[in-house]
Amino acid sequence: MSEKVIVEVKPITMYEAKKILSEAITEIGEPLYEQKICLDYLNKFAKLSPEEGKKIVEKVLEVNDKIRPEVAVKVTDLLPIDEEDVKIIFAKERVVLDREEINMIVEICALYLR
C-alpha cells in the first residue's frame, strides 16, 4: 500500500463523500467496519448526486458573500425546508441573514428535495 499525503483540506458534501468512499471500497475490496457503517448511512441519507450537491453549495455561497464554505456544505447536507431550519444552521455563525436571504436558501433547497 502506498503512502498518501494530504495535499488539501476542504469541506465536502455527504454526496461527494459517498462517491469517494464507494470508489475507495471498490478499490480495496472488503471495507473496514467503520467504512461499511459510514457507507450504509450515506446510502440511506445521501440521495442527490455529487454534482447536484456542488450546485447547491455554489448557489448558497452566492446568497451572501460572508457565508463560509463549511456552512454552505452543512446547508447542502441538511437541505432545510423552512426558515427555522436555516436559522438553526446559522445560529453560531457570525453572518446574519435577512429574511430574503433565508428564503432564498429555502427555495434553493426546495428545488432538490425529493
Protein backbone atom coordinates (compact mmCIF):
# COMPACT_ATOMS: atom_id res chain seq x y z
CA MET A 1 0.00 0.00 0.00
CA SER A 2 1.41 3.37 -0.98
CA GLU A 3 1.74 6.23 1.47
CA LYS A 4 -0.82 9.01 0.99
CA VAL A 5 -0.03 12.66 1.54
CA ILE A 6 -2.64 15.26 2.42
CA VAL A 7 -2.49 17.92 -0.28
CA GLU A 8 -5.59 19.93 0.56
CA VAL A 9 -8.29 20.02 3.21
CA LYS A 10 -11.70 21.25 2.14
CA PRO A 11 -15.28 20.58 3.20
CA ILE A 12 -17.23 18.18 1.01
CA THR A 13 -20.88 17.26 0.92
CA MET A 14 -22.06 13.86 2.01
CA TYR A 15 -22.92 13.23 -1.65
CA GLU A 16 -19.26 13.66 -2.60
CA ALA A 17 -18.19 11.59 0.42
CA LYS A 18 -20.47 8.76 -0.71
CA LYS A 19 -18.85 8.74 -4.15
CA ILE A 20 -15.31 8.86 -2.75
CA LEU A 21 -15.99 6.14 -0.17
CA SER A 22 -17.72 3.90 -2.72
CA GLU A 23 -14.75 4.22 -5.08
CA ALA A 24 -12.28 3.54 -2.25
CA ILE A 25 -14.15 0.43 -1.14
CA THR A 26 -14.27 -0.83 -4.72
CA GLU A 27 -10.52 -0.31 -4.96
CA ILE A 28 -9.59 -2.01 -1.67
CA GLY A 29 -12.18 -4.78 -1.75
CA GLU A 30 -13.51 -5.62 1.70
CA PRO A 31 -14.38 -2.45 3.65
CA LEU A 32 -13.44 -1.89 7.27
CA TYR A 33 -16.28 -1.94 9.79
CA GLU A 34 -16.30 1.86 10.08
CA GLN A 35 -16.31 2.28 6.31
CA LYS A 36 -19.25 -0.10 5.97
CA ILE A 37 -21.26 1.74 8.64
CA CYS A 38 -20.47 5.09 7.04
CA LEU A 39 -21.42 3.88 3.56
CA ASP A 40 -24.69 2.42 4.89
CA TYR A 41 -25.53 5.81 6.44
CA LEU A 42 -24.65 7.67 3.24
CA ASN A 43 -26.71 5.27 1.14
CA LYS A 44 -29.73 5.96 3.34
CA PHE A 45 -29.44 9.74 3.50
CA ALA A 46 -27.35 10.99 0.57
CA LYS A 47 -29.92 10.86 -2.22
CA LEU A 48 -28.51 13.57 -4.50
CA SER A 49 -25.62 13.27 -6.92
CA PRO A 50 -22.25 14.88 -6.12
CA GLU A 51 -22.88 17.32 -9.00
CA GLU A 52 -26.23 18.40 -7.52
CA GLY A 53 -24.55 18.86 -4.14
CA LYS A 54 -21.89 21.10 -5.67
CA LYS A 55 -24.56 23.18 -7.41
CA ILE A 56 -26.39 23.73 -4.13
CA VAL A 57 -23.16 24.75 -2.36
CA GLU A 58 -22.39 27.24 -5.14
CA LYS A 59 -25.90 28.71 -5.05
CA VAL A 60 -25.85 29.04 -1.24
CA LEU A 61 -22.47 30.79 -1.39
CA GLU A 62 -23.95 33.27 -3.88
CA VAL A 63 -26.74 34.25 -1.45
CA ASN A 64 -24.34 36.14 0.82
CA ASP A 65 -20.60 36.54 0.32
CA LYS A 66 -20.00 36.11 4.06
CA ILE A 67 -21.27 32.53 4.14
CA ARG A 68 -18.35 30.17 4.76
CA PRO A 69 -17.96 27.09 2.52
CA GLU A 70 -18.26 24.83 5.58
CA VAL A 71 -21.70 26.25 6.34
CA ALA A 72 -22.80 26.02 2.70
CA VAL A 73 -21.86 22.32 2.81
CA LYS A 74 -23.85 21.90 6.03
CA VAL A 75 -26.88 23.54 4.38
CA THR A 76 -26.47 21.21 1.39
CA ASP A 77 -26.27 18.11 3.57
CA LEU A 78 -29.28 19.07 5.69
CA LEU A 79 -31.46 20.68 2.97
CA PRO A 80 -33.52 22.87 5.32
CA ILE A 81 -37.22 23.05 4.50
CA ASP A 82 -38.19 26.26 6.30
CA GLU A 83 -36.85 29.48 7.81
CA GLU A 84 -36.39 27.98 11.27
CA ASP A 85 -34.15 25.23 9.94
CA VAL A 86 -31.94 27.80 8.19
CA LYS A 87 -31.78 29.94 11.34
CA ILE A 88 -30.67 26.90 13.36
CA ILE A 89 -27.87 26.12 10.90
CA PHE A 90 -26.64 29.73 11.07
CA ALA A 91 -27.18 30.15 14.83
CA LYS A 92 -23.48 30.04 15.72
CA GLU A 93 -22.26 31.88 12.64
CA ARG A 94 -21.13 35.48 12.59
CA VAL A 95 -23.08 36.18 9.42
CA VAL A 96 -26.60 37.47 9.95
CA LEU A 97 -29.00 36.67 7.14
CA ASP A 98 -32.05 38.79 6.44
CA ARG A 99 -35.44 37.22 5.72
CA GLU A 100 -34.94 37.45 1.96
CA GLU A 101 -31.62 35.57 2.11
CA ILE A 102 -33.11 32.91 4.36
CA ASN A 103 -36.00 32.44 1.93
CA MET A 104 -33.55 32.21 -0.97
CA ILE A 105 -31.74 29.36 0.79
CA VAL A 106 -35.05 27.57 1.46
CA GLU A 107 -36.00 27.98 -2.22
CA ILE A 108 -32.63 26.64 -3.40
CA CYS A 109 -33.01 23.56 -1.20
CA ALA A 110 -36.64 23.04 -2.23
CA LEU A 111 -35.51 22.56 -5.84
CA TYR A 112 -33.60 19.43 -4.81
CA LEU A 113 -35.88 17.91 -2.17
CA ARG A 114 -37.47 14.68 -3.32
